[in-house]
Amino acid sequence: MKIRTRLHIVTAASAAMVIIMALLVYWSQHRLAIANKAKNLADEIVSSVFERNTLRNDYLNNDNQRAKEQWFLKQNQLSDLLRSAPANLVSISDREIFTDIQKTMEGSSAIFQQILSNREGSRGGAPRTSGAIEIENRLVAQLLLKFLDTIADARKLQTAGNELIESTQKTAAKVSLAIIVSVSLFVIFVAWSLGRIISKGIKSLQLGATAIGAGNLHYTIPLTGEDEFSSVAVAFNTMSGKLAESHSALEQDLVARKRAANEIEGLNQELSHTVAQLQGANQELEAFAYSVSHDLRAPLRAMGGFSVALIEDFGDTLEAEARDYLNEIVLGSRHMGQLIDGLLTLSRSTRGELRHDRVDLSAMADRIRVELGKAEPQRRVTWRIEAGLSGGGDARMIEVIMRNLLENAWKYTAAVAEPLIRVYSELEKGERYYCVADNGAGFDMAHAEKLFQPFQRLHRQDEFPGIGIGLATAQRIVHRHGGTIHATGTPHKGALFSFSLPYGEEQ
């Protein structure tokens, strides 16, 4: 049986005992009230009988008419009192006493009436005869006997009331004592039983916890039954089984982790070796790019210079087609020089340690705006640069980003009647982005993936000159700062470039 069920039974039994005791108290109080009322009624009867006897003596000795009237009044009151006594107020034997009292009072009333008749027959001034006196004395003796009988019966009622009170009190005390003893024994037994069950359960759980704490994960608690401790024991045994399985799985996992750690350590060593090789290869590549750029510049300068000299010295004697060829050679050498500069710039953007500067992007954009305006003073471009733009990062590299984006906006708005270039910032998913927007040539979003690839261009060279290295350089610098750059555009409606600088924000 569950402990909760036992407690419910104890609670129900205690409640029943309390109800029984309450009913007993109510019954005893009711019986006591009835006994007291019966005793009070007997006392009132005795008092009234004595008063009536006093009135009778007053009338017989003093011929007091008022005493006679009061005797009849008291007689009527006693008759009414006996008739109005509740049926549940007296027992069967008490009712017989009441009947005897009523008969005695009726006899007393008849005798008193005879005495009155005897006296009234002797009135008229004549003295009473000896016969009348003797009759009256006999009647008075009979009346006295009736009085004594009434007093005796009333005393019986008083005794019965006292006995009822005493028996009720004794009965209530005995039953209360029996109930208290029964409840006490019941509570003691239940407490002992519950204490034994709880003590046994706690001890078993303590032994189980000690065994589990000592590392014996296969320990089970030998508790059976239907109480709560048995349920806890089942859960405990299930838990210990799960712990044993988890411990076994954990050991296997630790072995696997150790094996993986060894493999990772080997891979790290290989990675370190590979990184060292890559660093060496990058250094060799940088040295090669630097030397190639310097080695290529001399023949390019010679090729371009001799071509220009040939045009200047012998241009008049050359045919038009030959001069065109020489011009193409000059343009090709210049374009090759620009490509070499772009490669060097792209290479520098991935080298060196990043500095942390606080950069005023608004002032930087305004400075670039002035330079572009001086380079082409004939152009009228509307600029809207948001004030107070600032970011963190390497100031030299951030200027490369801003310069490439603003020069592109300047270049691609050349054919627009009312060119507009905007520089501002906005929040996107909790991250701040710096934006450069224009209303120029724009681009088709279907080819947007080519924007940030080196030497990939979305416009013809004759439309907009360039080598296609600026946006690739800007993307690499943004990525080195831990940010992202993306572009949106529509043909002939402009483009928008946005980039973030989390590296600077974190610092």
Protein backbone atom coordinates (compact mmCIF):
# COMPACT_ATOMS: atom_id res chain seq x y z
CA MET A 1 0.00 0.00 0.00
CA LYS A 2 1.30 3.45 -0.87
CA ILE A 3 2.31 5.81 1.90
CA ARG A 4 -0.05 8.41 0.48
CA THR A 5 -2.93 5.92 0.75
CA ARG A 6 -1.96 5.13 4.34
CA LEU A 7 -1.92 8.83 5.15
CA HIS A 8 -5.32 9.25 3.52
CA ILE A 9 -6.68 6.40 5.66
CA VAL A 10 -5.20 7.96 8.78
CA THR A 11 -6.69 11.32 7.84
CA ALA A 12 -10.11 9.75 7.15
CA ALA A 13 -10.01 7.78 10.44
CA SER A 14 -8.98 10.86 12.39
CA ALA A 15 -11.76 12.87 10.76
CA ALA A 16 -14.25 10.10 11.63
CA MET A 17 -13.03 10.09 15.23
CA VAL A 18 -13.39 13.84 15.42
CA ILE A 19 -16.92 13.64 14.01
CA ILE A 20 -17.83 10.90 16.51
CA MET A 21 -16.46 12.98 19.37
CA ALA A 22 -18.36 16.00 18.13
CA LEU A 23 -21.57 13.96 17.94
CA LEU A 24 -20.87 12.59 21.41
CA VAL A 25 -20.38 16.09 22.78
CA TYR A 26 -23.57 17.19 21.08
CA TRP A 27 -25.48 14.17 22.47
CA SER A 28 -24.14 14.69 25.98
CA GLN A 29 -24.96 18.37 25.87
CA HIS A 30 -28.46 17.56 24.64
CA ARG A 31 -28.97 14.97 27.37
CA LEU A 32 -27.63 17.36 29.98
CA ALA A 33 -29.98 20.05 28.73
CA ILE A 34 -32.94 17.65 28.97
CA ALA A 35 -31.86 16.53 32.46
CA ASN A 36 -31.49 20.12 33.64
CA LYS A 37 -34.88 21.03 32.25
CA ALA A 38 -36.43 18.01 34.01
CA LYS A 39 -34.70 18.95 37.25
CA ASN A 40 -35.80 22.57 36.91
CA LEU A 41 -39.35 21.39 36.25
CA ALA A 42 -39.25 19.23 39.39
CA ASP A 43 -37.86 22.16 41.40
CA GLU A 44 -40.64 24.40 40.11
CA ILE A 45 -43.27 21.76 41.02
CA VAL A 46 -41.87 21.44 44.55
CA SER A 47 -41.79 25.20 44.97
CA SER A 48 -45.34 25.59 43.68
CA VAL A 49 -46.62 22.78 45.94
CA PHE A 50 -45.06 24.40 48.98
CA GLU A 51 -46.51 27.78 48.02
CA ARG A 52 -49.91 26.23 47.56
CA ASN A 53 -49.66 24.54 50.98
CA THR A 54 -48.77 27.89 52.55
CA LEU A 55 -51.79 29.51 50.88
CA ARG A 56 -54.02 26.66 52.10
CA ASN A 57 -52.84 27.13 55.70
CA ASP A 58 -53.33 30.88 55.43
CA TYR A 59 -56.89 30.35 54.24
CA LEU A 60 -57.78 27.66 56.84
CA ASN A 61 -56.22 29.50 59.78
CA ASN A 62 -57.11 33.07 58.89
CA ASP A 63 -60.03 32.64 56.50
CA ASN A 64 -58.08 34.75 53.97
CA GLN A 65 -60.15 34.86 50.78
CA ARG A 66 -57.26 36.18 48.77
CA ALA A 67 -55.18 33.20 49.83
CA LYS A 68 -57.99 30.97 48.58
CA GLU A 69 -57.98 32.68 45.18
CA GLN A 70 -54.20 32.44 44.97
CA TRP A 71 -54.40 28.74 45.88
CA PHE A 72 -56.66 28.11 42.89
CA LEU A 73 -54.41 30.26 40.69
CA LYS A 74 -51.34 28.26 41.76
CA GLN A 75 -53.32 25.05 41.24
CA ASN A 76 -54.09 26.07 37.65
CA GLN A 77 -50.46 27.04 37.03
CA LEU A 78 -49.30 23.62 38.23
CA SER A 79 -51.86 21.89 36.02
CA ASP A 80 -50.74 23.91 32.98
CA LEU A 81 -47.08 23.23 33.80
CA LEU A 82 -47.66 19.48 33.97
CA ARG A 83 -49.73 19.44 30.77
CA SER A 84 -47.16 21.51 28.81
CA ALA A 85 -44.13 19.41 29.81
CA PRO A 86 -42.44 18.15 26.56
CA ALA A 87 -42.72 14.45 25.86
CA ASN A 88 -38.93 14.11 25.31
CA LEU A 89 -38.19 15.88 28.57
CA VAL A 90 -38.94 12.86 30.79
CA SER A 91 -38.50 9.13 30.59
CA ILE A 92 -41.29 6.53 30.78
CA SER A 93 -40.91 6.23 34.56
CA ASP A 94 -40.91 10.00 34.89
CA ARG A 95 -44.12 10.19 32.89
CA GLU A 96 -45.73 7.83 35.39
CA ILE A 97 -44.62 10.19 38.18
CA PHE A 98 -46.10 13.10 36.26
CA THR A 99 -49.37 11.16 35.96
CA ASP A 100 -49.38 10.45 39.70
CA ILE A 101 -48.72 14.13 40.46
CA GLN A 102 -51.55 15.18 38.18
CA LYS A 103 -53.93 12.72 39.85
CA THR A 104 -52.78 13.83 43.33
CA MET A 105 -53.32 17.48 42.39
CA GLU A 106 -56.76 16.70 41.04
CA GLY A 107 -57.55 14.89 44.33
CA SER A 108 -56.15 17.87 46.28
CA SER A 109 -58.36 20.20 44.28
CA ALA A 110 -61.44 18.08 44.99
CA ILE A 111 -60.65 17.91 48.72
CA PHE A 112 -60.07 21.65 48.85
CA GLN A 113 -63.40 22.17 47.13
CA GLN A 114 -65.09 20.02 49.80
CA ILE A 115 -63.42 22.10 52.51
CA LEU A 116 -64.72 25.25 50.85
CA SER A 117 -68.21 23.76 50.57
CA ASN A 118 -68.15 22.69 54.21
CA ARG A 119 -67.15 26.19 55.34
CA GLU A 120 -69.63 27.95 53.12
CA GLY A 121 -72.41 25.72 54.55
CA SER A 122 -71.54 26.89 58.04
CA ARG A 123 -71.64 30.62 57.21
CA GLY A 124 -74.45 32.95 58.28
CA GLY A 125 -73.15 33.80 61.73
CA ALA A 126 -73.92 30.43 63.31
CA PRO A 127 -71.00 28.63 64.87
CA ARG A 128 -69.77 25.50 63.14
CA THR A 129 -70.86 22.25 64.60
CA SER A 130 -68.52 19.68 65.89
CA GLY A 131 -69.45 17.47 63.00
CA ALA A 132 -68.45 20.14 60.47
CA ILE A 133 -65.17 20.69 62.29
CA GLU A 134 -64.46 16.98 62.34
CA ILE A 135 -65.21 16.72 58.60
CA GLU A 136 -62.91 19.64 57.89
CA ASN A 137 -60.14 18.11 59.98
CA ARG A 138 -60.44 14.89 58.05
CA LEU A 139 -60.37 16.75 54.77
CA VAL A 140 -57.35 18.75 55.90
CA ALA A 141 -55.58 15.52 56.86
CA GLN A 142 -56.36 14.07 53.43
CA LEU A 143 -55.13 17.29 51.78
CA LEU A 144 -51.92 17.06 53.80
CA LEU A 145 -51.41 13.50 52.62
CA LYS A 146 -51.92 14.63 49.03
CA PHE A 147 -49.36 17.39 49.65
CA LEU A 148 -46.84 14.88 50.98
CA ASP A 149 -47.47 12.55 48.05
CA THR A 150 -46.92 15.41 45.62
CA ILE A 151 -43.69 16.42 47.36
CA ALA A 152 -42.49 12.82 47.30
CA ASP A 153 -43.23 12.50 43.58
CA ALA A 154 -41.52 15.84 42.87
CA ARG A 155 -38.48 14.66 44.84
CA LYS A 156 -38.41 11.56 42.64
CA LEU A 157 -38.30 13.82 39.57
CA GLN A 158 -35.41 15.78 41.07
CA THR A 159 -33.54 12.58 41.86
CA ALA A 160 -34.17 11.23 38.35
CA GLY A 161 -32.87 14.48 36.84
CA ASN A 162 -29.72 14.39 38.97
CA GLU A 163 -29.16 10.75 38.11
CA LEU A 164 -29.64 11.53 34.41
CA ILE A 165 -27.10 14.34 34.59
CA GLU A 166 -24.61 12.16 36.42
CA SER A 167 -25.08 9.16 34.10
CA THR A 168 -24.79 11.38 31.01
CA GLN A 169 -21.54 12.89 32.28
CA LYS A 170 -20.11 9.48 33.09
CA THR A 171 -21.14 8.04 29.74
CA ALA A 172 -19.65 11.00 27.85
CA ALA A 173 -16.44 10.75 29.84
CA LYS A 174 -16.12 6.99 29.24
CA VAL A 175 -16.84 7.26 25.52
CA SER A 176 -14.47 10.23 25.16
CA LEU A 177 -11.76 8.37 27.00
CA ALA A 178 -12.33 5.31 24.83
CA ILE A 179 -12.18 7.39 21.66
CA ILE A 180 -9.04 9.23 22.80
CA VAL A 181 -7.33 5.97 23.71
CA SER A 182 -8.38 4.38 20.41
CA VAL A 183 -7.19 7.36 18.40
CA SER A 184 -3.91 7.48 20.32
CA LEU A 185 -3.27 3.76 19.80
CA PHE A 186 -4.23 4.05 16.14
CA VAL A 187 -1.95 7.06 15.60
CA ILE A 188 0.89 5.34 17.47
CA PHE A 189 0.52 2.22 15.35
CA VAL A 190 0.32 4.18 12.10
CA ALA A 191 3.29 6.36 13.10
CA TRP A 192 5.31 3.28 14.00
CA SER A 193 4.34 1.57 10.74
CA LEU A 194 5.09 4.63 8.60
CA GLY A 195 8.33 5.27 10.48
CA ARG A 196 9.43 1.70 9.88
CA ILE A 197 8.59 1.92 6.17
CA ILE A 198 10.24 5.33 5.76
CA SER A 199 13.31 4.31 7.74
CA LYS A 200 13.72 1.16 5.69
CA GLY A 201 13.23 3.05 2.41
CA ILE A 202 15.65 5.84 3.34
CA LYS A 203 18.27 3.34 4.47
CA SER A 204 17.97 1.42 1.21
CA LEU A 205 18.23 4.63 -0.82
CA GLN A 206 21.22 5.76 1.25
CA LEU A 207 23.00 2.45 0.63
CA GLY A 208 22.22 2.75 -3.08
CA ALA A 209 23.51 6.34 -3.26
CA THR A 210 26.67 5.32 -1.37
CA ALA A 211 27.26 2.43 -3.78
CA ILE A 212 26.72 4.62 -6.83
CA GLY A 213 29.01 7.28 -5.35
CA ALA A 214 31.68 4.62 -4.83
CA GLY A 215 31.52 3.77 -8.53
CA ASN A 216 29.33 0.65 -8.42
CA LEU A 217 26.99 1.69 -11.23
CA HIS A 218 25.44 -1.79 -11.42
CA TYR A 219 24.04 -1.64 -7.86
CA THR A 220 20.27 -2.14 -7.50
CA ILE A 221 18.04 -1.40 -4.51
CA PRO A 222 16.19 -4.55 -3.32
CA LEU A 223 12.88 -2.84 -2.55
CA THR A 224 9.60 -4.37 -3.68
CA GLY A 225 6.04 -3.39 -3.08
CA GLU A 226 3.58 -0.74 -4.10
CA ASP A 227 4.60 2.21 -1.96
CA GLU A 228 6.46 5.34 -3.04
CA PHE A 229 9.84 4.05 -1.91
CA SER A 230 9.43 1.03 -4.17
CA SER A 231 8.66 3.38 -7.07
CA VAL A 232 11.73 5.45 -6.19
CA ALA A 233 13.78 2.23 -6.00
CA VAL A 234 12.58 1.24 -9.48
CA ALA A 235 13.49 4.71 -10.80
CA PHE A 236 16.84 4.52 -8.97
CA ASN A 237 17.62 1.12 -10.46
CA THR A 238 16.66 2.40 -13.90
CA MET A 239 18.89 5.43 -13.34
CA SER A 240 21.83 3.26 -12.25
CA GLY A 241 21.35 1.12 -15.36
CA LYS A 242 21.29 4.23 -17.56
CA LEU A 243 24.36 5.54 -15.75
CA ALA A 244 26.18 2.26 -16.36
CA GLU A 245 25.27 2.42 -20.05
CA SER A 246 26.25 6.11 -20.22
CA HIS A 247 29.52 5.38 -18.42
CA SER A 248 30.32 2.60 -20.85
CA ALA A 249 29.40 4.82 -23.78
CA LEU A 250 31.46 7.64 -22.24
CA GLU A 251 34.48 5.39 -21.93
CA GLN A 252 34.09 4.38 -25.55
CA ASP A 253 33.63 8.04 -26.47
CA LEU A 254 36.77 8.97 -24.51
CA VAL A 255 38.72 6.32 -26.36
CA ALA A 256 37.34 7.60 -29.64
CA ARG A 257 38.08 11.19 -28.63
CA LYS A 258 41.62 10.27 -27.66
CA ARG A 259 42.06 8.56 -30.99
CA ALA A 260 40.54 11.58 -32.74
CA ALA A 261 42.77 13.91 -30.71
CA ASN A 262 45.80 11.96 -31.82
CA GLU A 263 44.58 12.13 -35.39
CA ILE A 264 43.91 15.87 -35.03
CA GLU A 265 47.36 16.37 -33.57
CA GLY A 266 48.82 14.58 -36.56
CA LEU A 267 46.67 16.65 -38.90
CA ASN A 268 47.72 19.82 -37.07
CA GLN A 269 51.32 18.90 -37.58
CA GLU A 270 50.63 18.26 -41.23
CA LEU A 271 48.66 21.52 -41.39
CA SER A 272 51.49 23.42 -39.73
CA HIS A 273 53.88 21.92 -42.24
CA THR A 274 51.49 22.83 -45.05
CA VAL A 275 51.07 26.37 -43.69
CA ALA A 276 54.81 26.75 -43.52
CA GLN A 277 55.03 25.55 -47.11
CA LEU A 278 52.23 27.94 -48.12
CA GLN A 279 53.91 30.83 -46.34
CA GLY A 280 57.14 30.01 -48.18
CA ALA A 281 55.23 29.68 -51.43
CA ASN A 282 53.47 33.02 -50.79
CA GLN A 283 56.77 34.70 -50.04
CA GLU A 284 58.26 33.20 -53.20
CA LEU A 285 55.13 34.24 -55.12
CA GLU A 286 55.33 37.78 -53.75
CA ALA A 287 59.02 37.95 -54.56
CA PHE A 288 58.26 36.55 -58.01
CA ALA A 289 55.43 39.04 -58.57
CA TYR A 290 57.62 41.90 -57.40
CA SER A 291 60.55 40.84 -59.57
CA VAL A 292 58.30 40.10 -62.54
CA SER A 293 56.60 43.47 -62.21
CA HIS A 294 59.98 45.19 -62.15
CA ASP A 295 61.41 42.97 -64.89
CA LEU A 296 58.35 43.55 -67.08
CA ARG A 297 58.24 47.28 -66.58
CA ALA A 298 61.64 47.82 -68.34
CA PRO A 299 60.74 46.05 -71.61
CA LEU A 300 57.23 47.58 -71.47
CA ARG A 301 58.67 51.04 -71.07
CA ALA A 302 61.17 50.32 -73.90
CA MET A 303 58.43 48.95 -76.16
CA GLY A 304 56.15 51.87 -75.49
CA GLY A 305 58.92 54.46 -75.65
CA PHE A 306 60.38 53.20 -78.93
CA SER A 307 56.88 53.03 -80.38
CA VAL A 308 56.19 56.64 -79.39
CA ALA A 309 59.61 57.70 -80.75
CA LEU A 310 58.98 55.87 -84.00
CA ILE A 311 55.65 57.66 -84.40
CA GLU A 312 57.17 61.04 -83.58
CA ASP A 313 60.28 60.63 -85.81
CA PHE A 314 58.93 58.67 -88.73
CA GLY A 315 55.18 59.10 -88.41
CA ASP A 316 54.96 61.23 -91.55
CA THR A 317 56.67 58.60 -93.67
CA LEU A 318 54.68 55.68 -92.29
CA GLU A 319 51.50 54.48 -93.78
CA ALA A 320 48.28 55.02 -91.84
CA GLU A 321 47.90 51.32 -91.08
CA ALA A 322 51.45 51.17 -89.66
CA ARG A 323 50.76 54.19 -87.44
CA ASP A 324 47.61 52.47 -86.15
CA TYR A 325 49.64 49.41 -85.30
CA LEU A 326 52.12 51.50 -83.37
CA ASN A 327 49.32 53.26 -81.50
CA GLU A 328 47.87 49.87 -80.51
CA ILE A 329 51.32 48.83 -79.26
CA VAL A 330 51.48 52.01 -77.11
CA LEU A 331 47.97 51.44 -75.74
CA GLY A 332 48.73 47.77 -75.07
CA SER A 333 51.90 48.60 -73.19
CA ARG A 334 50.06 51.18 -71.07
CA HIS A 335 47.25 48.66 -70.34
CA MET A 336 49.86 46.04 -69.44
CA GLY A 337 51.43 48.54 -67.03
CA GLN A 338 48.03 49.15 -65.43
CA LEU A 339 47.50 45.40 -65.03
CA ILE A 340 50.87 45.06 -63.34
CA ASP A 341 49.98 47.90 -60.95
CA GLY A 342 46.65 46.23 -60.22
CA LEU A 343 48.31 42.90 -59.47
CA LEU A 344 50.71 44.60 -57.09
CA THR A 345 47.85 46.40 -55.36
CA LEU A 346 45.86 43.15 -55.07
CA SER A 347 48.93 41.41 -53.65
CA ARG A 348 49.54 44.14 -51.08
CA SER A 349 45.90 43.98 -49.90
CA THR A 350 46.46 40.46 -48.53
CA ARG A 351 49.83 41.11 -46.90
CA GLY A 352 50.94 42.86 -43.78
CA GLU A 353 49.39 43.20 -40.33
CA LEU A 354 46.15 45.11 -39.98
CA ARG A 355 46.34 48.33 -38.04
CA HIS A 356 43.53 49.65 -35.91
CA ASP A 357 42.67 53.24 -36.73
CA ARG A 358 39.56 55.28 -36.12
CA VAL A 359 38.62 56.42 -39.63
CA ASP A 360 36.37 59.37 -40.46
CA LEU A 361 34.65 57.95 -43.54
CA SER A 362 32.71 61.17 -44.18
CA ALA A 363 35.92 63.24 -44.32
CA MET A 364 37.62 60.55 -46.46
CA ALA A 365 34.74 60.52 -48.95
CA ASP A 366 34.75 64.31 -49.11
CA ARG A 367 38.49 64.37 -49.81
CA ILE A 368 38.12 61.86 -52.65
CA ARG A 369 35.18 63.91 -53.99
CA VAL A 370 37.44 66.98 -54.21
CA GLU A 371 40.17 65.02 -56.02
CA LEU A 372 37.72 63.62 -58.57
CA GLY A 373 36.25 67.07 -59.14
CA LYS A 374 39.72 68.55 -59.80
CA ALA A 375 40.51 65.75 -62.24
CA GLU A 376 37.36 66.50 -64.29
CA PRO A 377 36.25 70.03 -63.43
CA GLN A 378 33.81 70.13 -66.36
CA ARG A 379 31.53 67.55 -64.73
CA ARG A 380 28.68 68.55 -62.44
CA VAL A 381 27.87 65.80 -60.00
CA THR A 382 25.54 65.99 -56.98
CA TRP A 383 27.11 64.49 -53.84
CA ARG A 384 25.24 63.54 -50.65
CA ILE A 385 27.68 62.46 -47.97
CA GLU A 386 26.23 61.63 -44.57
CA ALA A 387 28.01 63.47 -41.78
CA GLY A 388 29.62 61.69 -38.86
CA LEU A 389 30.35 58.38 -40.59
CA SER A 390 33.19 56.61 -38.80
CA GLY A 391 34.57 53.11 -38.63
CA GLY A 392 37.50 51.16 -37.30
CA GLY A 393 40.25 49.35 -39.18
CA ASP A 394 43.37 49.91 -41.25
CA ALA A 395 43.00 53.47 -42.57
CA ARG A 396 45.19 52.87 -45.66
CA MET A 397 43.20 49.83 -46.74
CA ILE A 398 39.82 51.42 -45.98
CA GLU A 399 40.82 54.32 -48.20
CA VAL A 400 41.50 51.82 -51.02
CA ILE A 401 37.92 50.54 -50.57
CA MET A 402 36.36 54.01 -50.57
CA ARG A 403 38.48 55.18 -53.47
CA ASN A 404 37.60 52.19 -55.68
CA LEU A 405 33.88 52.49 -54.89
CA LEU A 406 33.72 56.28 -55.37
CA GLU A 407 35.85 56.21 -58.55
CA ASN A 408 33.51 53.55 -59.98
CA ALA A 409 30.46 55.67 -59.06
CA TRP A 410 32.13 58.70 -60.69
CA LYS A 411 33.04 56.70 -63.82
CA TYR A 412 29.68 54.98 -64.33
CA THR A 413 27.65 58.23 -63.92
CA ALA A 414 29.52 59.97 -66.72
CA ALA A 415 26.71 59.48 -69.23
CA VAL A 416 23.90 60.51 -66.85
CA ALA A 417 22.27 63.91 -67.26
CA GLU A 418 21.95 64.57 -63.53
CA PRO A 419 24.47 62.31 -61.79
CA LEU A 420 23.99 61.62 -58.09
CA ILE A 421 26.42 59.90 -55.72
CA ARG A 422 25.41 59.11 -52.12
CA VAL A 423 27.52 57.96 -49.15
CA TYR A 424 25.62 56.86 -46.03
CA SER A 425 25.25 54.04 -43.52
CA GLU A 426 22.39 51.73 -42.51
CA LEU A 427 21.72 48.90 -40.08
CA GLU A 428 21.05 45.45 -41.51
CA LYS A 429 20.29 42.61 -39.07
CA GLY A 430 21.97 44.51 -36.23
CA GLU A 431 25.17 45.16 -38.22
CA ARG A 432 26.24 48.55 -39.61
CA TYR A 433 26.91 48.79 -43.34
CA TYR A 434 28.59 51.68 -45.18
CA CYS A 435 26.94 52.34 -48.54
CA VAL A 436 28.00 53.99 -51.82
CA ALA A 437 25.11 54.45 -54.26
CA ASP A 438 24.84 56.10 -57.69
CA ASN A 439 22.29 56.51 -60.48
CA GLY A 440 24.68 55.55 -63.26
CA ALA A 441 24.96 52.67 -65.71
CA GLY A 442 24.19 49.96 -63.15
CA PHE A 443 24.50 46.26 -63.99
CA ASP A 444 22.49 43.09 -64.50
CA MET A 445 22.14 41.10 -61.25
CA ALA A 446 22.40 37.88 -63.30
CA HIS A 447 26.13 38.61 -63.68
CA ALA A 448 26.73 40.01 -60.18
CA GLU A 449 29.04 37.10 -59.21
CA LYS A 450 31.66 38.45 -61.72
CA LEU A 451 31.90 41.85 -60.00
CA PHE A 452 34.45 40.82 -57.40
CA GLN A 453 36.53 38.47 -59.59
CA PRO A 454 39.88 39.87 -60.79
CA PHE A 455 39.90 41.13 -64.41
CA GLN A 456 36.18 40.36 -64.85
CA ARG A 457 34.23 43.30 -66.24
CA LEU A 458 30.52 43.76 -67.01
CA HIS A 459 31.02 46.65 -69.47
CA ARG A 460 33.05 46.97 -72.63
CA GLN A 461 36.39 48.74 -72.55
CA ASP A 462 35.23 51.33 -75.07
CA GLU A 463 32.22 52.17 -72.83
CA PHE A 464 34.01 52.46 -69.49
CA PRO A 465 37.79 51.99 -69.22
CA GLY A 466 39.33 49.88 -66.48
CA ILE A 467 41.17 46.65 -65.72
CA GLY A 468 38.63 44.96 -63.36
CA ILE A 469 40.85 44.74 -60.31
CA GLY A 470 39.37 47.43 -58.00
CA LEU A 471 36.33 45.57 -56.64
CA ALA A 472 38.36 42.36 -56.15
CA THR A 473 40.85 44.37 -54.10
CA ALA A 474 38.03 45.99 -52.09
CA GLN A 475 36.47 42.60 -51.36
CA ARG A 476 39.76 41.15 -50.09
CA ILE A 477 40.31 44.13 -47.78
CA VAL A 478 36.75 43.88 -46.42
CA HIS A 479 37.19 40.15 -45.81
CA ARG A 480 40.47 40.79 -43.99
CA HIS A 481 38.49 43.06 -41.65
CA GLY A 482 36.00 40.24 -41.06
CA GLY A 483 33.22 41.99 -42.97
CA THR A 484 31.12 41.39 -46.04
CA ILE A 485 30.51 43.38 -49.21
CA HIS A 486 27.64 43.00 -51.59
CA ALA A 487 26.19 44.88 -54.52
CA THR A 488 22.78 45.42 -56.06
CA GLY A 489 22.04 47.14 -59.32
CA THR A 490 19.68 47.67 -62.22
CA PRO A 491 20.82 48.41 -65.78
CA HIS A 492 20.74 52.17 -66.51
CA LYS A 493 19.33 52.90 -63.02
CA GLY A 494 22.41 52.78 -60.85
CA ALA A 495 24.18 50.52 -58.36
CA LEU A 496 24.57 50.21 -54.60
CA PHE A 497 27.65 48.79 -52.84
CA SER A 498 27.50 48.05 -49.08
CA PHE A 499 30.30 46.81 -46.84
CA SER A 500 30.77 46.21 -43.09
CA LEU A 501 33.82 46.48 -40.84
CA PRO A 502 33.25 44.16 -37.84
CA TYR A 503 36.96 44.12 -37.08
CA GLY A 504 36.88 47.81 -36.32
CA GLU A 505 33.57 47.58 -34.41
CA GLU A 506 34.92 44.83 -32.12
CA GLN A 507 38.06 46.80 -31.40
